[in-house]
Amino acid sequence: GKVWDLLYLGDQGAGRCKLEKRTWAKFATDNKLNVRDA
């Protein structure tokens, strides 16, 4: 029920796309994500 606003970074070369790092980090820490969570 919560929303995190961030930037989607389109084609970064070689067909690579990603989510902007700063807000992805906030999402991960806000939700206490750990290695091996899916």
Full PDB file with SEQRES, HELIX, SHEET, SSBOND, CRYST1, ORIGX, SCALE, CONECT and MASTER records, all heavy atoms in Angstrom:
SEQRES   1 A   38  GLY LYS VAL TRP ASP LEU LEU TYR LEU GLY ASP GLN GLY          
SEQRES   2 A   38  ALA GLY ARG CYS LYS LEU GLU LYS ARG THR TRP ALA LYS          
SEQRES   3 A   38  PHE ALA THR ASP ASN LYS LEU ASN VAL ARG ASP ALA              
HELIX    1 AA1 LYS A   21  ASP A   30  1                                  10    
SHEET    1 AA1 2 TYR A   8  LEU A   9  0                                        
SHEET    2 AA1 2 LYS A  18  LEU A  19 -1                                        
CRYST1    1.000    1.000    1.000  90.00  90.00  90.00 P 1           1          
ORIGX1      1.000000  0.000000  0.000000        0.00000                         
ORIGX2      0.000000  1.000000  0.000000        0.00000                         
ORIGX3      0.000000  0.000000  1.000000        0.00000                         
SCALE1      1.000000  0.000000  0.000000        0.00000                         
SCALE2      0.000000  1.000000  0.000000        0.00000                         
SCALE3      0.000000  0.000000  1.000000        0.00000                         
ATOM      1  N   GLY A   1       0.785  -1.229   0.000  1.00  0.00           N  
ATOM      2  CA  GLY A   1       0.000   0.000   0.000  1.00  0.00           C  
ATOM      3  C   GLY A   1       0.817   1.278   0.000  1.00  0.00           C  
ATOM      4  O   GLY A   1       0.266   2.371   0.056  1.00  0.00           O  
ATOM      5  N   LYS A   2       2.136   1.154  -0.059  1.00  0.00           N  
ATOM      6  CA  LYS A   2       3.007   2.329  -0.088  1.00  0.00           C  
ATOM      7  C   LYS A   2       3.625   2.452  -1.481  1.00  0.00           C  
ATOM      8  O   LYS A   2       3.750   1.471  -2.200  1.00  0.00           O  
ATOM      9  CB  LYS A   2       4.114   2.216   0.952  1.00  0.00           C  
ATOM     10  CG  LYS A   2       3.603   2.173   2.371  1.00  0.00           C  
ATOM     11  CD  LYS A   2       4.731   1.977   3.346  1.00  0.00           C  
ATOM     12  CE  LYS A   2       4.178   1.768   4.751  1.00  0.00           C  
ATOM     13  NZ  LYS A   2       5.163   1.225   5.643  1.00  0.00           N  
ATOM     14  N   VAL A   3       4.025   3.677  -1.816  1.00  0.00           N  
ATOM     15  CA  VAL A   3       4.601   3.940  -3.132  1.00  0.00           C  
ATOM     16  C   VAL A   3       5.957   4.612  -2.971  1.00  0.00           C  
ATOM     17  O   VAL A   3       6.104   5.557  -2.191  1.00  0.00           O  
ATOM     18  CB  VAL A   3       3.670   4.859  -3.961  1.00  0.00           C  
ATOM     19  CG1 VAL A   3       4.295   5.198  -5.304  1.00  0.00           C  
ATOM     20  CG2 VAL A   3       2.300   4.213  -4.149  1.00  0.00           C  
ATOM     21  N   TRP A   4       6.957   4.110  -3.710  1.00  0.00           N  
ATOM     22  CA  TRP A   4       8.281   4.718  -3.780  1.00  0.00           C  
ATOM     23  C   TRP A   4       8.439   5.265  -5.192  1.00  0.00           C  
ATOM     24  O   TRP A   4       8.327   4.507  -6.167  1.00  0.00           O  
ATOM     25  CB  TRP A   4       9.372   3.692  -3.487  1.00  0.00           C  
ATOM     26  CG  TRP A   4       9.470   3.317  -2.049  1.00  0.00           C  
ATOM     27  CD1 TRP A   4      10.373   3.798  -1.142  1.00  0.00           C  
ATOM     28  CD2 TRP A   4       8.650   2.388  -1.334  1.00  0.00           C  
ATOM     29  NE1 TRP A   4      10.150   3.227   0.083  1.00  0.00           N  
ATOM     30  CE2 TRP A   4       9.098   2.358   0.003  1.00  0.00           C  
ATOM     31  CE3 TRP A   4       7.564   1.586  -1.691  1.00  0.00           C  
ATOM     32  CZ2 TRP A   4       8.516   1.558   0.964  1.00  0.00           C  
ATOM     33  CZ3 TRP A   4       6.980   0.787  -0.734  1.00  0.00           C  
ATOM     34  CH2 TRP A   4       7.454   0.776   0.577  1.00  0.00           C  
ATOM     35  N   ASP A   5       8.660   6.559  -5.309  1.00  0.00           N  
ATOM     36  CA  ASP A   5       8.883   7.201  -6.606  1.00  0.00           C  
ATOM     37  C   ASP A   5      10.373   7.175  -6.913  1.00  0.00           C  
ATOM     38  O   ASP A   5      11.182   7.540  -6.063  1.00  0.00           O  
ATOM     39  CB  ASP A   5       8.387   8.646  -6.587  1.00  0.00           C  
ATOM     40  CG  ASP A   5       6.876   8.729  -6.463  1.00  0.00           C  
ATOM     41  OD1 ASP A   5       6.176   8.190  -7.325  1.00  0.00           O  
ATOM     42  OD2 ASP A   5       6.406   9.349  -5.486  1.00  0.00           O  
ATOM     43  N   LEU A   6      10.718   6.775  -8.108  1.00  0.00           N  
ATOM     44  CA  LEU A   6      12.113   6.715  -8.505  1.00  0.00           C  
ATOM     45  C   LEU A   6      12.207   6.896 -10.008  1.00  0.00           C  
ATOM     46  O   LEU A   6      11.195   7.115 -10.681  1.00  0.00           O  
ATOM     47  CB  LEU A   6      12.763   5.407  -8.071  1.00  0.00           C  
ATOM     48  CG  LEU A   6      12.325   4.110  -8.744  1.00  0.00           C  
ATOM     49  CD1 LEU A   6      13.383   3.043  -8.502  1.00  0.00           C  
ATOM     50  CD2 LEU A   6      11.018   3.629  -8.194  1.00  0.00           C  
ATOM     51  N   LEU A   7      13.400   6.818 -10.538  1.00  0.00           N  
ATOM     52  CA  LEU A   7      13.608   6.889 -11.976  1.00  0.00           C  
ATOM     53  C   LEU A   7      13.921   5.507 -12.514  1.00  0.00           C  
ATOM     54  O   LEU A   7      14.676   4.743 -11.903  1.00  0.00           O  
ATOM     55  CB  LEU A   7      14.761   7.824 -12.326  1.00  0.00           C  
ATOM     56  CG  LEU A   7      14.487   9.311 -12.232  1.00  0.00           C  
ATOM     57  CD1 LEU A   7      15.760  10.098 -12.521  1.00  0.00           C  
ATOM     58  CD2 LEU A   7      13.381   9.726 -13.187  1.00  0.00           C  
ATOM     59  N   TYR A   8      13.319   5.203 -13.654  1.00  0.00           N  
ATOM     60  CA  TYR A   8      13.694   4.033 -14.425  1.00  0.00           C  
ATOM     61  C   TYR A   8      14.699   4.530 -15.453  1.00  0.00           C  
ATOM     62  O   TYR A   8      14.447   5.495 -16.168  1.00  0.00           O  
ATOM     63  CB  TYR A   8      12.460   3.435 -15.113  1.00  0.00           C  
ATOM     64  CG  TYR A   8      12.802   2.541 -16.268  1.00  0.00           C  
ATOM     65  CD1 TYR A   8      13.247   1.251 -16.048  1.00  0.00           C  
ATOM     66  CD2 TYR A   8      12.694   2.993 -17.570  1.00  0.00           C  
ATOM     67  CE1 TYR A   8      13.585   0.430 -17.110  1.00  0.00           C  
ATOM     68  CE2 TYR A   8      13.014   2.177 -18.639  1.00  0.00           C  
ATOM     69  CZ  TYR A   8      13.458   0.902 -18.403  1.00  0.00           C  
ATOM     70  OH  TYR A   8      13.790   0.100 -19.448  1.00  0.00           O  
ATOM     71  N   LEU A   9      15.867   3.916 -15.488  1.00  0.00           N  
ATOM     72  CA  LEU A   9      16.918   4.313 -16.414  1.00  0.00           C  
ATOM     73  C   LEU A   9      16.896   3.344 -17.583  1.00  0.00           C  
ATOM     74  O   LEU A   9      17.306   2.188 -17.453  1.00  0.00           O  
ATOM     75  CB  LEU A   9      18.268   4.302 -15.704  1.00  0.00           C  
ATOM     76  CG  LEU A   9      18.314   5.140 -14.416  1.00  0.00           C  
ATOM     77  CD1 LEU A   9      19.625   4.926 -13.692  1.00  0.00           C  
ATOM     78  CD2 LEU A   9      18.085   6.606 -14.715  1.00  0.00           C  
ATOM     79  N   GLY A  10      16.376   3.823 -18.721  1.00  0.00           N  
ATOM     80  CA  GLY A  10      16.228   2.991 -19.911  1.00  0.00           C  
ATOM     81  C   GLY A  10      17.546   2.410 -20.364  1.00  0.00           C  
ATOM     82  O   GLY A  10      18.505   2.339 -19.598  1.00  0.00           O  
ATOM     83  N   ASP A  11      17.609   2.024 -21.604  1.00  0.00           N  
ATOM     84  CA  ASP A  11      18.760   1.306 -22.156  1.00  0.00           C  
ATOM     85  C   ASP A  11      20.079   1.986 -21.788  1.00  0.00           C  
ATOM     86  O   ASP A  11      20.363   3.101 -22.205  1.00  0.00           O  
ATOM     87  CB  ASP A  11      18.622   1.201 -23.669  1.00  0.00           C  
ATOM     88  CG  ASP A  11      19.626   0.251 -24.289  1.00  0.00           C  
ATOM     89  OD1 ASP A  11      20.543  -0.211 -23.580  1.00  0.00           O  
ATOM     90  OD2 ASP A  11      19.492  -0.026 -25.487  1.00  0.00           O  
ATOM     91  N   GLN A  12      20.881   1.287 -20.990  1.00  0.00           N  
ATOM     92  CA  GLN A  12      22.186   1.778 -20.545  1.00  0.00           C  
ATOM     93  C   GLN A  12      23.308   1.164 -21.378  1.00  0.00           C  
ATOM     94  O   GLN A  12      24.453   1.115 -20.953  1.00  0.00           O  
ATOM     95  CB  GLN A  12      22.400   1.433 -19.063  1.00  0.00           C  
ATOM     96  CG  GLN A  12      21.342   1.989 -18.144  1.00  0.00           C  
ATOM     97  CD  GLN A  12      21.421   3.495 -18.056  1.00  0.00           C  
ATOM     98  OE1 GLN A  12      22.426   4.039 -17.624  1.00  0.00           O  
ATOM     99  NE2 GLN A  12      20.372   4.171 -18.481  1.00  0.00           N  
ATOM    100  N   GLY A  13      22.968   0.671 -22.549  1.00  0.00           N  
ATOM    101  CA  GLY A  13      23.947  -0.005 -23.404  1.00  0.00           C  
ATOM    102  C   GLY A  13      23.845  -1.502 -23.226  1.00  0.00           C  
ATOM    103  O   GLY A  13      23.561  -1.984 -22.131  1.00  0.00           O  
ATOM    104  N   ALA A  14      24.011  -2.220 -24.288  1.00  0.00           N  
ATOM    105  CA  ALA A  14      23.936  -3.692 -24.286  1.00  0.00           C  
ATOM    106  C   ALA A  14      22.585  -4.186 -23.764  1.00  0.00           C  
ATOM    107  O   ALA A  14      22.495  -5.246 -23.153  1.00  0.00           O  
ATOM    108  CB  ALA A  14      25.089  -4.298 -23.484  1.00  0.00           C  
ATOM    109  N   GLY A  15      21.529  -3.389 -23.971  1.00  0.00           N  
ATOM    110  CA  GLY A  15      20.193  -3.793 -23.548  1.00  0.00           C  
ATOM    111  C   GLY A  15      19.989  -3.805 -22.050  1.00  0.00           C  
ATOM    112  O   GLY A  15      19.076  -4.429 -21.545  1.00  0.00           O  
ATOM    113  N   ARG A  16      20.834  -3.091 -21.304  1.00  0.00           N  
ATOM    114  CA  ARG A  16      20.728  -3.077 -19.844  1.00  0.00           C  
ATOM    115  C   ARG A  16      19.901  -1.888 -19.368  1.00  0.00           C  
ATOM    116  O   ARG A  16      20.146  -0.755 -19.755  1.00  0.00           O  
ATOM    117  CB  ARG A  16      22.109  -3.012 -19.209  1.00  0.00           C  
ATOM    118  CG  ARG A  16      22.889  -4.250 -19.456  1.00  0.00           C  
ATOM    119  CD  ARG A  16      24.249  -4.143 -18.856  1.00  0.00           C  
ATOM    120  NE  ARG A  16      25.017  -5.280 -19.314  1.00  0.00           N  
ATOM    121  CZ  ARG A  16      25.973  -5.829 -18.614  1.00  0.00           C  
ATOM    122  NH1 ARG A  16      26.292  -5.354 -17.457  1.00  0.00           N  
ATOM    123  NH2 ARG A  16      26.616  -6.852 -19.102  1.00  0.00           N  
ATOM    124  N   CYS A  17      18.931  -2.172 -18.537  1.00  0.00           N  
ATOM    125  CA  CYS A  17      18.083  -1.153 -17.939  1.00  0.00           C  
ATOM    126  C   CYS A  17      18.120  -1.362 -16.436  1.00  0.00           C  
ATOM    127  O   CYS A  17      18.368  -2.466 -15.964  1.00  0.00           O  
ATOM    128  CB  CYS A  17      16.652  -1.300 -18.436  1.00  0.00           C  
ATOM    129  SG  CYS A  17      16.516  -1.233 -20.226  1.00  0.00           S  
ATOM    130  N   LYS A  18      17.864  -0.301 -15.682  1.00  0.00           N  
ATOM    131  CA  LYS A  18      17.909  -0.456 -14.230  1.00  0.00           C  
ATOM    132  C   LYS A  18      17.029   0.578 -13.550  1.00  0.00           C  
ATOM    133  O   LYS A  18      16.557   1.527 -14.168  1.00  0.00           O  
ATOM    134  CB  LYS A  18      19.343  -0.374 -13.717  1.00  0.00           C  
ATOM    135  CG  LYS A  18      20.030   0.941 -13.991  1.00  0.00           C  
ATOM    136  CD  LYS A  18      21.481   0.891 -13.544  1.00  0.00           C  
ATOM    137  CE  LYS A  18      22.179   2.189 -13.874  1.00  0.00           C  
ATOM    138  NZ  LYS A  18      23.561   2.195 -13.447  1.00  0.00           N  
ATOM    139  N   LEU A  19      16.841   0.377 -12.254  1.00  0.00           N  
ATOM    140  CA  LEU A  19      16.129   1.340 -11.417  1.00  0.00           C  
ATOM    141  C   LEU A  19      17.158   2.232 -10.741  1.00  0.00           C  
ATOM    142  O   LEU A  19      18.243   1.779 -10.387  1.00  0.00           O  
ATOM    143  CB  LEU A  19      15.286   0.619 -10.366  1.00  0.00           C  
ATOM    144  CG  LEU A  19      14.178  -0.284 -10.904  1.00  0.00           C  
ATOM    145  CD1 LEU A  19      13.471  -0.979  -9.755  1.00  0.00           C  
ATOM    146  CD2 LEU A  19      13.188   0.495 -11.758  1.00  0.00           C  
ATOM    147  N   GLU A  20      16.779   3.478 -10.584  1.00  0.00           N  
ATOM    148  CA  GLU A  20      17.653   4.471  -9.948  1.00  0.00           C  
ATOM    149  C   GLU A  20      18.047   3.992  -8.551  1.00  0.00           C  
ATOM    150  O   GLU A  20      17.236   3.495  -7.781  1.00  0.00           O  
ATOM    151  CB  GLU A  20      16.901   5.807  -9.936  1.00  0.00           C  
ATOM    152  CG  GLU A  20      17.514   6.899  -9.140  1.00  0.00           C  
ATOM    153  CD  GLU A  20      16.808   7.059  -7.818  1.00  0.00           C  
ATOM    154  OE1 GLU A  20      15.571   6.984  -7.753  1.00  0.00           O  
ATOM    155  OE2 GLU A  20      17.529   7.244  -6.828  1.00  0.00           O  
ATOM    156  N   LYS A  21      19.312   4.135  -8.250  1.00  0.00           N  
ATOM    157  CA  LYS A  21      19.947   3.558  -7.067  1.00  0.00           C  
ATOM    158  C   LYS A  21      19.438   4.129  -5.733  1.00  0.00           C  
ATOM    159  O   LYS A  21      19.152   3.381  -4.800  1.00  0.00           O  
ATOM    160  CB  LYS A  21      21.450   3.774  -7.222  1.00  0.00           C  
ATOM    161  CG  LYS A  21      22.291   3.419  -6.076  1.00  0.00           C  
ATOM    162  CD  LYS A  21      23.743   3.680  -6.439  1.00  0.00           C  
ATOM    163  CE  LYS A  21      24.651   3.494  -5.274  1.00  0.00           C  
ATOM    164  NZ  LYS A  21      26.038   3.482  -5.650  1.00  0.00           N  
ATOM    165  N   ARG A  22      19.324   5.431  -5.609  1.00  0.00           N  
ATOM    166  CA  ARG A  22      19.019   6.049  -4.316  1.00  0.00           C  
ATOM    167  C   ARG A  22      17.665   5.586  -3.767  1.00  0.00           C  
ATOM    168  O   ARG A  22      17.547   5.179  -2.612  1.00  0.00           O  
ATOM    169  CB  ARG A  22      19.075   7.569  -4.433  1.00  0.00           C  
ATOM    170  CG  ARG A  22      18.888   8.277  -3.095  1.00  0.00           C  
ATOM    171  CD  ARG A  22      18.921   9.786  -3.229  1.00  0.00           C  
ATOM    172  NE  ARG A  22      17.845  10.209  -4.115  1.00  0.00           N  
ATOM    173  CZ  ARG A  22      17.982  11.066  -5.132  1.00  0.00           C  
ATOM    174  NH1 ARG A  22      19.147  11.595  -5.381  1.00  0.00           N  
ATOM    175  NH2 ARG A  22      16.966  11.390  -5.879  1.00  0.00           N  
ATOM    176  N   THR A  23      16.607   5.620  -4.605  1.00  0.00           N  
ATOM    177  CA  THR A  23      15.292   5.229  -4.104  1.00  0.00           C  
ATOM    178  C   THR A  23      15.170   3.716  -3.979  1.00  0.00           C  
ATOM    179  O   THR A  23      14.490   3.220  -3.087  1.00  0.00           O  
ATOM    180  CB  THR A  23      14.173   5.809  -4.984  1.00  0.00           C  
ATOM    181  OG1 THR A  23      14.380   7.220  -5.098  1.00  0.00           O  
ATOM    182  CG2 THR A  23      12.811   5.582  -4.368  1.00  0.00           C  
ATOM    183  N   TRP A  24      15.838   2.957  -4.856  1.00  0.00           N  
ATOM    184  CA  TRP A  24      15.859   1.507  -4.680  1.00  0.00           C  
ATOM    185  C   TRP A  24      16.480   1.183  -3.321  1.00  0.00           C  
ATOM    186  O   TRP A  24      15.988   0.329  -2.586  1.00  0.00           O  
ATOM    187  CB  TRP A  24      16.613   0.805  -5.813  1.00  0.00           C  
ATOM    188  CG  TRP A  24      16.965  -0.605  -5.445  1.00  0.00           C  
ATOM    189  CD1 TRP A  24      18.204  -1.104  -5.193  1.00  0.00           C  
ATOM    190  CD2 TRP A  24      16.050  -1.683  -5.213  1.00  0.00           C  
ATOM    191  NE1 TRP A  24      18.114  -2.431  -4.833  1.00  0.00           N  
ATOM    192  CE2 TRP A  24      16.803  -2.817  -4.830  1.00  0.00           C  
ATOM    193  CE3 TRP A  24      14.659  -1.803  -5.287  1.00  0.00           C  
ATOM    194  CZ2 TRP A  24      16.223  -4.043  -4.531  1.00  0.00           C  
ATOM    195  CZ3 TRP A  24      14.086  -3.030  -4.988  1.00  0.00           C  
ATOM    196  CH2 TRP A  24      14.858  -4.138  -4.615  1.00  0.00           C  
ATOM    197  N   ALA A  25      17.533   1.879  -2.945  1.00  0.00           N  
ATOM    198  CA  ALA A  25      18.175   1.677  -1.642  1.00  0.00           C  
ATOM    199  C   ALA A  25      17.192   1.986  -0.511  1.00  0.00           C  
ATOM    200  O   ALA A  25      17.121   1.257   0.476  1.00  0.00           O  
ATOM    201  CB  ALA A  25      19.420   2.546  -1.519  1.00  0.00           C  
ATOM    202  N   LYS A  26      16.426   3.057  -0.660  1.00  0.00           N  
ATOM    203  CA  LYS A  26      15.434   3.414   0.363  1.00  0.00           C  
ATOM    204  C   LYS A  26      14.365   2.330   0.469  1.00  0.00           C  
ATOM    205  O   LYS A  26      13.985   1.924   1.573  1.00  0.00           O  
ATOM    206  CB  LYS A  26      14.808   4.770   0.060  1.00  0.00           C  
ATOM    207  CG  LYS A  26      13.777   5.180   1.101  1.00  0.00           C  
ATOM    208  CD  LYS A  26      13.562   6.658   1.130  1.00  0.00           C  
ATOM    209  CE  LYS A  26      12.505   7.087   2.132  1.00  0.00           C  
ATOM    210  NZ  LYS A  26      12.500   6.414   3.402  1.00  0.00           N  
ATOM    211  N   PHE A  27      13.883   1.845  -0.677  1.00  0.00           N  
ATOM    212  CA  PHE A  27      12.901   0.766  -0.669  1.00  0.00           C  
ATOM    213  C   PHE A  27      13.467  -0.457   0.057  1.00  0.00           C  
ATOM    214  O   PHE A  27      12.813  -1.046   0.912  1.00  0.00           O  
ATOM    215  CB  PHE A  27      12.496   0.390  -2.102  1.00  0.00           C  
ATOM    216  CG  PHE A  27      11.583  -0.797  -2.188  1.00  0.00           C  
ATOM    217  CD1 PHE A  27      10.222  -0.656  -1.972  1.00  0.00           C  
ATOM    218  CD2 PHE A  27      12.088  -2.064  -2.470  1.00  0.00           C  
ATOM    219  CE1 PHE A  27       9.380  -1.759  -2.036  1.00  0.00           C  
ATOM    220  CE2 PHE A  27      11.257  -3.164  -2.539  1.00  0.00           C  
ATOM    221  CZ  PHE A  27       9.894  -3.008  -2.318  1.00  0.00           C  
ATOM    222  N   ALA A  28      14.687  -0.832  -0.279  1.00  0.00           N  
ATOM    223  CA  ALA A  28      15.319  -2.009   0.325  1.00  0.00           C  
ATOM    224  C   ALA A  28      15.495  -1.848   1.834  1.00  0.00           C  
ATOM    225  O   ALA A  28      15.228  -2.779   2.598  1.00  0.00           O  
ATOM    226  CB  ALA A  28      16.662  -2.287  -0.345  1.00  0.00           C  
ATOM    227  N   THR A  29      15.930  -0.677   2.275  1.00  0.00           N  
ATOM    228  CA  THR A  29      16.132  -0.475   3.715  1.00  0.00           C  
ATOM    229  C   THR A  29      14.806  -0.294   4.448  1.00  0.00           C  
ATOM    230  O   THR A  29      14.632  -0.828   5.540  1.00  0.00           O  
ATOM    231  CB  THR A  29      17.079   0.704   3.994  1.00  0.00           C  
ATOM    232  OG1 THR A  29      16.593   1.867   3.338  1.00  0.00           O  
ATOM    233  CG2 THR A  29      18.485   0.407   3.514  1.00  0.00           C  
ATOM    234  N   ASP A  30      13.856   0.418   3.843  1.00  0.00           N  
ATOM    235  CA  ASP A  30      12.531   0.587   4.469  1.00  0.00           C  
ATOM    236  C   ASP A  30      11.872  -0.760   4.738  1.00  0.00           C  
ATOM    237  O   ASP A  30      11.157  -0.927   5.730  1.00  0.00           O  
ATOM    238  CB  ASP A  30      11.593   1.408   3.579  1.00  0.00           C  
ATOM    239  CG  ASP A  30      11.905   2.892   3.558  1.00  0.00           C  
ATOM    240  OD1 ASP A  30      12.787   3.342   4.330  1.00  0.00           O  
ATOM    241  OD2 ASP A  30      11.273   3.610   2.747  1.00  0.00           O  
ATOM    242  N   ASN A  31      12.090  -1.705   3.849  1.00  0.00           N  
ATOM    243  CA  ASN A  31      11.439  -3.012   3.953  1.00  0.00           C  
ATOM    244  C   ASN A  31      12.353  -4.098   4.508  1.00  0.00           C  
ATOM    245  O   ASN A  31      12.015  -5.277   4.465  1.00  0.00           O  
ATOM    246  CB  ASN A  31      10.860  -3.401   2.585  1.00  0.00           C  
ATOM    247  CG  ASN A  31       9.733  -2.471   2.214  1.00  0.00           C  
ATOM    248  OD1 ASN A  31       8.672  -2.490   2.829  1.00  0.00           O  
ATOM    249  ND2 ASN A  31       9.972  -1.614   1.237  1.00  0.00           N  
ATOM    250  N   LYS A  32      13.515  -3.676   5.015  1.00  0.00           N  
ATOM    251  CA  LYS A  32      14.465  -4.593   5.667  1.00  0.00           C  
ATOM    252  C   LYS A  32      14.759  -5.818   4.797  1.00  0.00           C  
ATOM    253  O   LYS A  32      14.753  -6.954   5.260  1.00  0.00           O  
ATOM    254  CB  LYS A  32      13.955  -5.008   7.041  1.00  0.00           C  
ATOM    255  CG  LYS A  32      13.786  -3.835   7.985  1.00  0.00           C  
ATOM    256  CD  LYS A  32      13.207  -4.267   9.321  1.00  0.00           C  
ATOM    257  CE  LYS A  32      13.104  -3.149  10.303  1.00  0.00           C  
ATOM    258  NZ  LYS A  32      12.215  -2.077  10.012  1.00  0.00           N  
ATOM    259  N   LEU A  33      15.051  -5.554   3.508  1.00  0.00           N  
ATOM    260  CA  LEU A  33      15.378  -6.642   2.600  1.00  0.00           C  
ATOM    261  C   LEU A  33      16.773  -7.172   2.909  1.00  0.00           C  
ATOM    262  O   LEU A  33      17.666  -6.418   3.273  1.00  0.00           O  
ATOM    263  CB  LEU A  33      15.303  -6.163   1.150  1.00  0.00           C  
ATOM    264  CG  LEU A  33      13.934  -5.673   0.683  1.00  0.00           C  
ATOM    265  CD1 LEU A  33      13.980  -5.263  -0.776  1.00  0.00           C  
ATOM    266  CD2 LEU A  33      12.857  -6.717   0.927  1.00  0.00           C  
ATOM    267  N   ASN A  34      16.934  -8.475   2.760  1.00  0.00           N  
ATOM    268  CA  ASN A  34      18.193  -9.145   3.053  1.00  0.00           C  
ATOM    269  C   ASN A  34      18.623 -10.001   1.870  1.00  0.00           C  
ATOM    270  O   ASN A  34      17.809 -10.355   1.015  1.00  0.00           O  
ATOM    271  CB  ASN A  34      18.034 -10.065   4.271  1.00  0.00           C  
ATOM    272  CG  ASN A  34      17.747  -9.285   5.524  1.00  0.00           C  
ATOM    273  OD1 ASN A  34      18.499  -8.397   5.894  1.00  0.00           O  
ATOM    274  ND2 ASN A  34      16.636  -9.614   6.190  1.00  0.00           N  
ATOM    275  N   VAL A  35      19.900 -10.354   1.859  1.00  0.00           N  
ATOM    276  CA  VAL A  35      20.408 -11.303   0.881  1.00  0.00           C  
ATOM    277  C   VAL A  35      19.572 -12.574   0.987  1.00  0.00           C  
ATOM    278  O   VAL A  35      19.264 -13.038   2.084  1.00  0.00           O  
ATOM    279  CB  VAL A  35      21.910 -11.590   1.132  1.00  0.00           C  
ATOM    280  CG1 VAL A  35      22.404 -12.745   0.292  1.00  0.00           C  
ATOM    281  CG2 VAL A  35      22.733 -10.330   0.878  1.00  0.00           C  
ATOM    282  N   ARG A  36      19.182 -13.117  -0.161  1.00  0.00           N  
ATOM    283  CA  ARG A  36      18.372 -14.329  -0.324  1.00  0.00           C  
ATOM    284  C   ARG A  36      16.878 -14.090  -0.167  1.00  0.00           C  
ATOM    285  O   ARG A  36      16.095 -15.024  -0.327  1.00  0.00           O  
ATOM    286  CB  ARG A  36      18.863 -15.482   0.533  1.00  0.00           C  
ATOM    287  CG  ARG A  36      20.264 -15.932   0.117  1.00  0.00           C  
ATOM    288  CD  ARG A  36      20.787 -17.098   0.909  1.00  0.00           C  
ATOM    289  NE  ARG A  36      20.035 -18.325   0.765  1.00  0.00           N  
ATOM    290  CZ  ARG A  36      20.256 -19.259  -0.160  1.00  0.00           C  
ATOM    291  NH1 ARG A  36      21.215 -19.091  -1.029  1.00  0.00           N  
ATOM    292  NH2 ARG A  36      19.532 -20.348  -0.184  1.00  0.00           N  
ATOM    293  N   ASP A  37      16.424 -12.858   0.125  1.00  0.00           N  
ATOM    294  CA  ASP A  37      15.007 -12.552  -0.017  1.00  0.00           C  
ATOM    295  C   ASP A  37      14.734 -12.486  -1.513  1.00  0.00           C  
ATOM    296  O   ASP A  37      15.632 -12.183  -2.305  1.00  0.00           O  
ATOM    297  CB  ASP A  37      14.641 -11.202   0.612  1.00  0.00           C  
ATOM    298  CG  ASP A  37      14.684 -11.203   2.132  1.00  0.00           C  
ATOM    299  OD1 ASP A  37      14.702 -12.296   2.735  1.00  0.00           O  
ATOM    300  OD2 ASP A  37      14.691 -10.100   2.715  1.00  0.00           O  
ATOM    301  N   ALA A  38      13.506 -12.757  -1.906  1.00  0.00           N  
ATOM    302  CA  ALA A  38      13.154 -12.694  -3.328  1.00  0.00           C  
ATOM    303  C   ALA A  38      12.121 -11.598  -3.544  1.00  0.00           C  
ATOM    304  O   ALA A  38      11.270 -11.355  -2.683  1.00  0.00           O  
ATOM    305  CB  ALA A  38      12.604 -14.033  -3.802  1.00  0.00           C  
TER     306      ALA A  38                                                      
MASTER        0    0    0    1    2    0    0    6  305    1    0    3          
END                                                                             
